[in-house]
Amino acid sequence: CLKESGVTAFFTRSSAANIPVNMALAEKLR
């Protein structure tokens, strides 16, 4: 979660902007 979500969120600085990244990770985790 830190690598695939946290790293992108660190640079976007917006939880809302990181929602698609989290959705993709959740799908990957089935």
Full PDB file with SEQRES, HELIX, SHEET, SSBOND, CRYST1, ORIGX, SCALE, CONECT and MASTER records, all heavy atoms in Angstrom:
SEQRES   1 A   30  CYS LEU LYS GLU SER GLY VAL THR ALA PHE PHE THR ARG          
SEQRES   2 A   30  SER SER ALA ALA ASN ILE PRO VAL ASN MET ALA LEU ALA          
SEQRES   3 A   30  GLU LYS LEU ARG                                              
HELIX    1 AA1 LEU A    2  GLY A    6  3                                   5    
HELIX    2 AA2 VAL A    7  THR A   12  1                                   6    
HELIX    3 AA3 ILE A   19  LYS A   28  1                                  10    
CRYST1    1.000    1.000    1.000  90.00  90.00  90.00 P 1           1          
ORIGX1      1.000000  0.000000  0.000000        0.00000                         
ORIGX2      0.000000  1.000000  0.000000        0.00000                         
ORIGX3      0.000000  0.000000  1.000000        0.00000                         
SCALE1      1.000000  0.000000  0.000000        0.00000                         
SCALE2      0.000000  1.000000  0.000000        0.00000                         
SCALE3      0.000000  0.000000  1.000000        0.00000                         
ATOM      1  N   CYS A   1       0.834  -1.217   0.000  1.00  0.00           N  
ATOM      2  CA  CYS A   1       0.000   0.000   0.000  1.00  0.00           C  
ATOM      3  C   CYS A   1       0.863   1.260   0.000  1.00  0.00           C  
ATOM      4  O   CYS A   1       0.558   2.235  -0.697  1.00  0.00           O  
ATOM      5  CB  CYS A   1      -0.943  -0.010   1.200  1.00  0.00           C  
ATOM      6  SG  CYS A   1      -2.202  -1.309   1.131  1.00  0.00           S  
ATOM      7  N   LEU A   2       1.940   1.239   0.786  1.00  0.00           N  
ATOM      8  CA  LEU A   2       2.820   2.408   0.834  1.00  0.00           C  
ATOM      9  C   LEU A   2       3.507   2.635  -0.506  1.00  0.00           C  
ATOM     10  O   LEU A   2       3.639   3.770  -0.969  1.00  0.00           O  
ATOM     11  CB  LEU A   2       3.874   2.234   1.942  1.00  0.00           C  
ATOM     12  CG  LEU A   2       3.388   2.452   3.373  1.00  0.00           C  
ATOM     13  CD1 LEU A   2       4.463   2.045   4.370  1.00  0.00           C  
ATOM     14  CD2 LEU A   2       2.973   3.900   3.613  1.00  0.00           C  
ATOM     15  N   LYS A   3       3.934   1.539  -1.159  1.00  0.00           N  
ATOM     16  CA  LYS A   3       4.658   1.672  -2.424  1.00  0.00           C  
ATOM     17  C   LYS A   3       3.739   2.088  -3.565  1.00  0.00           C  
ATOM     18  O   LYS A   3       4.055   3.004  -4.332  1.00  0.00           O  
ATOM     19  CB  LYS A   3       5.352   0.354  -2.775  1.00  0.00           C  
ATOM     20  CG  LYS A   3       6.345   0.487  -3.928  1.00  0.00           C  
ATOM     21  CD  LYS A   3       6.692  -0.844  -4.543  1.00  0.00           C  
ATOM     22  CE  LYS A   3       5.588  -1.305  -5.480  1.00  0.00           C  
ATOM     23  NZ  LYS A   3       5.981  -2.423  -6.347  1.00  0.00           N  
ATOM     24  N   GLU A   4       2.577   1.439  -3.663  1.00  0.00           N  
ATOM     25  CA  GLU A   4       1.720   1.656  -4.826  1.00  0.00           C  
ATOM     26  C   GLU A   4       0.727   2.800  -4.643  1.00  0.00           C  
ATOM     27  O   GLU A   4       0.212   3.341  -5.618  1.00  0.00           O  
ATOM     28  CB  GLU A   4       0.978   0.361  -5.170  1.00  0.00           C  
ATOM     29  CG  GLU A   4       1.930  -0.771  -5.524  1.00  0.00           C  
ATOM     30  CD  GLU A   4       1.241  -1.894  -6.269  1.00  0.00           C  
ATOM     31  OE1 GLU A   4       0.153  -1.666  -6.838  1.00  0.00           O  
ATOM     32  OE2 GLU A   4       1.792  -3.002  -6.277  1.00  0.00           O  
ATOM     33  N   SER A   5       0.445   3.165  -3.402  1.00  0.00           N  
ATOM     34  CA  SER A   5      -0.472   4.281  -3.152  1.00  0.00           C  
ATOM     35  C   SER A   5       0.257   5.468  -2.527  1.00  0.00           C  
ATOM     36  O   SER A   5       0.101   6.601  -2.966  1.00  0.00           O  
ATOM     37  CB  SER A   5      -1.609   3.824  -2.226  1.00  0.00           C  
ATOM     38  OG  SER A   5      -2.387   4.920  -1.817  1.00  0.00           O  
ATOM     39  N   GLY A   6       1.074   5.189  -1.504  1.00  0.00           N  
ATOM     40  CA  GLY A   6       1.739   6.257  -0.765  1.00  0.00           C  
ATOM     41  C   GLY A   6       2.704   7.081  -1.601  1.00  0.00           C  
ATOM     42  O   GLY A   6       2.759   8.309  -1.471  1.00  0.00           O  
ATOM     43  N   VAL A   7       3.447   6.421  -2.487  1.00  0.00           N  
ATOM     44  CA  VAL A   7       4.452   7.135  -3.294  1.00  0.00           C  
ATOM     45  C   VAL A   7       3.782   8.144  -4.227  1.00  0.00           C  
ATOM     46  O   VAL A   7       4.209   9.299  -4.322  1.00  0.00           O  
ATOM     47  CB  VAL A   7       5.321   6.139  -4.092  1.00  0.00           C  
ATOM     48  CG1 VAL A   7       6.208   6.874  -5.091  1.00  0.00           C  
ATOM     49  CG2 VAL A   7       6.188   5.319  -3.149  1.00  0.00           C  
ATOM     50  N   THR A   8       2.708   7.718  -4.917  1.00  0.00           N  
ATOM     51  CA  THR A   8       2.017   8.658  -5.818  1.00  0.00           C  
ATOM     52  C   THR A   8       1.339   9.781  -5.031  1.00  0.00           C  
ATOM     53  O   THR A   8       1.356  10.941  -5.438  1.00  0.00           O  
ATOM     54  CB  THR A   8       0.976   7.937  -6.687  1.00  0.00           C  
ATOM     55  OG1 THR A   8       0.087   7.211  -5.839  1.00  0.00           O  
ATOM     56  CG2 THR A   8       1.638   6.965  -7.642  1.00  0.00           C  
ATOM     57  N   ALA A   9       0.755   9.428  -3.880  1.00  0.00           N  
ATOM     58  CA  ALA A   9       0.089  10.443  -3.054  1.00  0.00           C  
ATOM     59  C   ALA A   9       1.084  11.472  -2.528  1.00  0.00           C  
ATOM     60  O   ALA A   9       0.751  12.651  -2.372  1.00  0.00           O  
ATOM     61  CB  ALA A   9      -0.631   9.779  -1.886  1.00  0.00           C  
ATOM     62  N   PHE A  10       2.324  11.025  -2.278  1.00  0.00           N  
ATOM     63  CA  PHE A  10       3.366  11.928  -1.779  1.00  0.00           C  
ATOM     64  C   PHE A  10       3.588  13.080  -2.756  1.00  0.00           C  
ATOM     65  O   PHE A  10       3.801  14.221  -2.340  1.00  0.00           O  
ATOM     66  CB  PHE A  10       4.668  11.152  -1.571  1.00  0.00           C  
ATOM     67  CG  PHE A  10       5.781  11.961  -0.952  1.00  0.00           C  
ATOM     68  CD1 PHE A  10       5.930  12.030   0.423  1.00  0.00           C  
ATOM     69  CD2 PHE A  10       6.685  12.661  -1.754  1.00  0.00           C  
ATOM     70  CE1 PHE A  10       6.948  12.783   1.002  1.00  0.00           C  
ATOM     71  CE2 PHE A  10       7.705  13.416  -1.190  1.00  0.00           C  
ATOM     72  CZ  PHE A  10       7.838  13.468   0.188  1.00  0.00           C  
ATOM     73  N   PHE A  11       3.516  12.789  -4.046  1.00  0.00           N  
ATOM     74  CA  PHE A  11       3.798  13.819  -5.051  1.00  0.00           C  
ATOM     75  C   PHE A  11       2.546  14.583  -5.489  1.00  0.00           C  
ATOM     76  O   PHE A  11       2.635  15.763  -5.837  1.00  0.00           O  
ATOM     77  CB  PHE A  11       4.502  13.199  -6.253  1.00  0.00           C  
ATOM     78  CG  PHE A  11       5.900  12.729  -5.933  1.00  0.00           C  
ATOM     79  CD1 PHE A  11       6.165  11.383  -5.753  1.00  0.00           C  
ATOM     80  CD2 PHE A  11       6.928  13.634  -5.764  1.00  0.00           C  
ATOM     81  CE1 PHE A  11       7.449  10.950  -5.431  1.00  0.00           C  
ATOM     82  CE2 PHE A  11       8.210  13.213  -5.445  1.00  0.00           C  
ATOM     83  CZ  PHE A  11       8.471  11.865  -5.275  1.00  0.00           C  
ATOM     84  N   THR A  12       1.375  13.930  -5.479  1.00  0.00           N  
ATOM     85  CA  THR A  12       0.151  14.664  -5.851  1.00  0.00           C  
ATOM     86  C   THR A  12      -0.325  15.560  -4.719  1.00  0.00           C  
ATOM     87  O   THR A  12      -0.964  16.574  -4.960  1.00  0.00           O  
ATOM     88  CB  THR A  12      -0.990  13.703  -6.224  1.00  0.00           C  
ATOM     89  OG1 THR A  12      -1.309  12.879  -5.093  1.00  0.00           O  
ATOM     90  CG2 THR A  12      -0.603  12.820  -7.400  1.00  0.00           C  
ATOM     91  N   ARG A  13      -0.039  15.176  -3.479  1.00  0.00           N  
ATOM     92  CA  ARG A  13      -0.433  15.933  -2.290  1.00  0.00           C  
ATOM     93  C   ARG A  13      -1.940  16.144  -2.221  1.00  0.00           C  
ATOM     94  O   ARG A  13      -2.419  17.133  -1.692  1.00  0.00           O  
ATOM     95  CB  ARG A  13       0.301  17.286  -2.234  1.00  0.00           C  
ATOM     96  CG  ARG A  13       1.795  17.161  -2.114  1.00  0.00           C  
ATOM     97  CD  ARG A  13       2.508  18.494  -2.268  1.00  0.00           C  
ATOM     98  NE  ARG A  13       2.310  19.324  -1.094  1.00  0.00           N  
ATOM     99  CZ  ARG A  13       1.945  20.601  -1.149  1.00  0.00           C  
ATOM    100  NH1 ARG A  13       1.698  21.191  -2.304  1.00  0.00           N  
ATOM    101  NH2 ARG A  13       1.799  21.296  -0.047  1.00  0.00           N  
ATOM    102  N   SER A  14      -2.689  15.184  -2.752  1.00  0.00           N  
ATOM    103  CA  SER A  14      -4.150  15.261  -2.696  1.00  0.00           C  
ATOM    104  C   SER A  14      -4.729  13.857  -2.592  1.00  0.00           C  
ATOM    105  O   SER A  14      -4.527  13.029  -3.480  1.00  0.00           O  
ATOM    106  CB  SER A  14      -4.695  15.968  -3.938  1.00  0.00           C  
ATOM    107  OG  SER A  14      -6.098  15.828  -4.003  1.00  0.00           O  
ATOM    108  N   SER A  15      -5.454  13.594  -1.499  1.00  0.00           N  
ATOM    109  CA  SER A  15      -6.100  12.289  -1.324  1.00  0.00           C  
ATOM    110  C   SER A  15      -7.125  12.045  -2.417  1.00  0.00           C  
ATOM    111  O   SER A  15      -7.288  10.923  -2.893  1.00  0.00           O  
ATOM    112  CB  SER A  15      -6.782  12.227   0.048  1.00  0.00           C  
ATOM    113  OG  SER A  15      -5.831  12.315   1.082  1.00  0.00           O  
ATOM    114  N   ALA A  16      -7.824  13.109  -2.812  1.00  0.00           N  
ATOM    115  CA  ALA A  16      -8.839  12.978  -3.863  1.00  0.00           C  
ATOM    116  C   ALA A  16      -8.199  12.591  -5.195  1.00  0.00           C  
ATOM    117  O   ALA A  16      -8.715  11.737  -5.921  1.00  0.00           O  
ATOM    118  CB  ALA A  16      -9.612  14.288  -4.007  1.00  0.00           C  
ATOM    119  N   ALA A  17      -7.058  13.205  -5.518  1.00  0.00           N  
ATOM    120  CA  ALA A  17      -6.371  12.890  -6.772  1.00  0.00           C  
ATOM    121  C   ALA A  17      -5.835  11.466  -6.782  1.00  0.00           C  
ATOM    122  O   ALA A  17      -5.617  10.883  -7.851  1.00  0.00           O  
ATOM    123  CB  ALA A  17      -5.226  13.880  -6.992  1.00  0.00           C  
ATOM    124  N   ASN A  18      -5.626  10.893  -5.590  1.00  0.00           N  
ATOM    125  CA  ASN A  18      -5.062   9.543  -5.500  1.00  0.00           C  
ATOM    126  C   ASN A  18      -6.132   8.448  -5.468  1.00  0.00           C  
ATOM    127  O   ASN A  18      -5.800   7.260  -5.412  1.00  0.00           O  
ATOM    128  CB  ASN A  18      -4.179   9.430  -4.248  1.00  0.00           C  
ATOM    129  CG  ASN A  18      -3.033   8.451  -4.429  1.00  0.00           C  
ATOM    130  OD1 ASN A  18      -2.322   8.501  -5.429  1.00  0.00           O  
ATOM    131  ND2 ASN A  18      -2.852   7.550  -3.487  1.00  0.00           N  
ATOM    132  N   ILE A  19      -7.407   8.833  -5.519  1.00  0.00           N  
ATOM    133  CA  ILE A  19      -8.489   7.838  -5.484  1.00  0.00           C  
ATOM    134  C   ILE A  19      -8.368   6.819  -6.618  1.00  0.00           C  
ATOM    135  O   ILE A  19      -8.481   5.610  -6.366  1.00  0.00           O  
ATOM    136  CB  ILE A  19      -9.866   8.537  -5.481  1.00  0.00           C  
ATOM    137  CG1 ILE A  19     -10.121   9.189  -4.107  1.00  0.00           C  
ATOM    138  CG2 ILE A  19     -10.989   7.542  -5.793  1.00  0.00           C  
ATOM    139  CD1 ILE A  19     -11.381  10.026  -4.043  1.00  0.00           C  
ATOM    140  N   PRO A  20      -8.144   7.233  -7.884  1.00  0.00           N  
ATOM    141  CA  PRO A  20      -8.013   6.223  -8.952  1.00  0.00           C  
ATOM    142  C   PRO A  20      -6.879   5.225  -8.716  1.00  0.00           C  
ATOM    143  O   PRO A  20      -7.004   4.045  -9.039  1.00  0.00           O  
ATOM    144  CB  PRO A  20      -7.747   7.074 -10.203  1.00  0.00           C  
ATOM    145  CG  PRO A  20      -8.296   8.420  -9.878  1.00  0.00           C  
ATOM    146  CD  PRO A  20      -8.084   8.594  -8.418  1.00  0.00           C  
ATOM    147  N   VAL A  21      -5.773   5.695  -8.138  1.00  0.00           N  
ATOM    148  CA  VAL A  21      -4.642   4.811  -7.819  1.00  0.00           C  
ATOM    149  C   VAL A  21      -5.063   3.772  -6.787  1.00  0.00           C  
ATOM    150  O   VAL A  21      -4.768   2.579  -6.917  1.00  0.00           O  
ATOM    151  CB  VAL A  21      -3.441   5.638  -7.302  1.00  0.00           C  
ATOM    152  CG1 VAL A  21      -2.286   4.733  -6.891  1.00  0.00           C  
ATOM    153  CG2 VAL A  21      -2.979   6.633  -8.354  1.00  0.00           C  
ATOM    154  N   ASN A  22      -5.780   4.226  -5.750  1.00  0.00           N  
ATOM    155  CA  ASN A  22      -6.250   3.313  -4.710  1.00  0.00           C  
ATOM    156  C   ASN A  22      -7.276   2.320  -5.252  1.00  0.00           C  
ATOM    157  O   ASN A  22      -7.295   1.149  -4.856  1.00  0.00           O  
ATOM    158  CB  ASN A  22      -6.850   4.104  -3.542  1.00  0.00           C  
ATOM    159  CG  ASN A  22      -5.794   4.675  -2.620  1.00  0.00           C  
ATOM    160  OD1 ASN A  22      -4.626   4.296  -2.699  1.00  0.00           O  
ATOM    161  ND2 ASN A  22      -6.188   5.590  -1.755  1.00  0.00           N  
ATOM    162  N   MET A  23      -8.133   2.786  -6.155  1.00  0.00           N  
ATOM    163  CA  MET A  23      -9.128   1.898  -6.777  1.00  0.00           C  
ATOM    164  C   MET A  23      -8.433   0.777  -7.556  1.00  0.00           C  
ATOM    165  O   MET A  23      -8.815  -0.397  -7.468  1.00  0.00           O  
ATOM    166  CB  MET A  23     -10.030   2.702  -7.721  1.00  0.00           C  
ATOM    167  CG  MET A  23     -10.923   3.709  -7.023  1.00  0.00           C  
ATOM    168  SD  MET A  23     -12.387   2.941  -6.319  1.00  0.00           S  
ATOM    169  CE  MET A  23     -13.440   4.363  -6.116  1.00  0.00           C  
ATOM    170  N   ALA A  24      -7.406   1.161  -8.313  1.00  0.00           N  
ATOM    171  CA  ALA A  24      -6.661   0.168  -9.103  1.00  0.00           C  
ATOM    172  C   ALA A  24      -5.961  -0.838  -8.192  1.00  0.00           C  
ATOM    173  O   ALA A  24      -5.942  -2.049  -8.474  1.00  0.00           O  
ATOM    174  CB  ALA A  24      -5.649   0.871  -9.997  1.00  0.00           C  
ATOM    175  N   LEU A  25      -5.407  -0.363  -7.081  1.00  0.00           N  
ATOM    176  CA  LEU A  25      -4.742  -1.260  -6.134  1.00  0.00           C  
ATOM    177  C   LEU A  25      -5.741  -2.198  -5.463  1.00  0.00           C  
ATOM    178  O   LEU A  25      -5.468  -3.394  -5.279  1.00  0.00           O  
ATOM    179  CB  LEU A  25      -3.984  -0.438  -5.082  1.00  0.00           C  
ATOM    180  CG  LEU A  25      -3.261  -1.223  -3.984  1.00  0.00           C  
ATOM    181  CD1 LEU A  25      -2.288  -2.239  -4.572  1.00  0.00           C  
ATOM    182  CD2 LEU A  25      -2.532  -0.290  -3.028  1.00  0.00           C  
ATOM    183  N   ALA A  26      -6.921  -1.657  -5.103  1.00  0.00           N  
ATOM    184  CA  ALA A  26      -7.969  -2.486  -4.492  1.00  0.00           C  
ATOM    185  C   ALA A  26      -8.412  -3.589  -5.454  1.00  0.00           C  
ATOM    186  O   ALA A  26      -8.640  -4.737  -5.044  1.00  0.00           O  
ATOM    187  CB  ALA A  26      -9.159  -1.620  -4.092  1.00  0.00           C  
ATOM    188  N   GLU A  27      -8.507  -3.240  -6.739  1.00  0.00           N  
ATOM    189  CA  GLU A  27      -8.869  -4.240  -7.751  1.00  0.00           C  
ATOM    190  C   GLU A  27      -7.772  -5.295  -7.877  1.00  0.00           C  
ATOM    191  O   GLU A  27      -8.047  -6.495  -7.991  1.00  0.00           O  
ATOM    192  CB  GLU A  27      -9.088  -3.550  -9.102  1.00  0.00           C  
ATOM    193  CG  GLU A  27      -9.617  -4.487 -10.189  1.00  0.00           C  
ATOM    194  CD  GLU A  27      -9.868  -3.769 -11.496  1.00  0.00           C  
ATOM    195  OE1 GLU A  27      -9.598  -2.546 -11.579  1.00  0.00           O  
ATOM    196  OE2 GLU A  27     -10.325  -4.431 -12.443  1.00  0.00           O  
ATOM    197  N   LYS A  28      -6.532  -4.865  -7.803  1.00  0.00           N  
ATOM    198  CA  LYS A  28      -5.392  -5.780  -7.873  1.00  0.00           C  
ATOM    199  C   LYS A  28      -5.389  -6.748  -6.681  1.00  0.00           C  
ATOM    200  O   LYS A  28      -5.006  -7.915  -6.806  1.00  0.00           O  
ATOM    201  CB  LYS A  28      -4.093  -4.963  -7.908  1.00  0.00           C  
ATOM    202  CG  LYS A  28      -2.828  -5.797  -8.032  1.00  0.00           C  
ATOM    203  CD  LYS A  28      -1.619  -4.890  -8.104  1.00  0.00           C  
ATOM    204  CE  LYS A  28      -0.328  -5.695  -8.143  1.00  0.00           C  
ATOM    205  NZ  LYS A  28       0.862  -4.831  -8.200  1.00  0.00           N  
ATOM    206  N   LEU A  29      -5.839  -6.241  -5.529  1.00  0.00           N  
ATOM    207  CA  LEU A  29      -5.919  -7.069  -4.322  1.00  0.00           C  
ATOM    208  C   LEU A  29      -7.179  -7.935  -4.301  1.00  0.00           C  
ATOM    209  O   LEU A  29      -7.419  -8.653  -3.333  1.00  0.00           O  
ATOM    210  CB  LEU A  29      -5.884  -6.177  -3.066  1.00  0.00           C  
ATOM    211  CG  LEU A  29      -4.577  -5.417  -2.804  1.00  0.00           C  
ATOM    212  CD1 LEU A  29      -4.757  -4.419  -1.668  1.00  0.00           C  
ATOM    213  CD2 LEU A  29      -3.450  -6.380  -2.488  1.00  0.00           C  
ATOM    214  N   ARG A  30      -7.995  -7.836  -5.351  1.00  0.00           N  
ATOM    215  CA  ARG A  30      -9.239  -8.601  -5.515  1.00  0.00           C  
ATOM    216  C   ARG A  30     -10.247  -8.320  -4.385  1.00  0.00           C  
ATOM    217  O   ARG A  30     -10.978  -9.199  -3.949  1.00  0.00           O  
ATOM    218  CB  ARG A  30      -8.941 -10.101  -5.591  1.00  0.00           C  
ATOM    219  CG  ARG A  30      -8.170 -10.486  -6.844  1.00  0.00           C  
ATOM    220  CD  ARG A  30      -8.208 -11.962  -7.093  1.00  0.00           C  
ATOM    221  NE  ARG A  30      -7.468 -12.693  -6.075  1.00  0.00           N  
ATOM    222  CZ  ARG A  30      -7.454 -14.020  -6.004  1.00  0.00           C  
ATOM    223  NH1 ARG A  30      -8.135 -14.736  -6.861  1.00  0.00           N  
ATOM    224  NH2 ARG A  30      -6.760 -14.618  -5.057  1.00  0.00           N  
TER     225      ARG A  30                                                      
MASTER        0    0    0    3    0    0    0    6  224    1    0    3          
END                                                                             
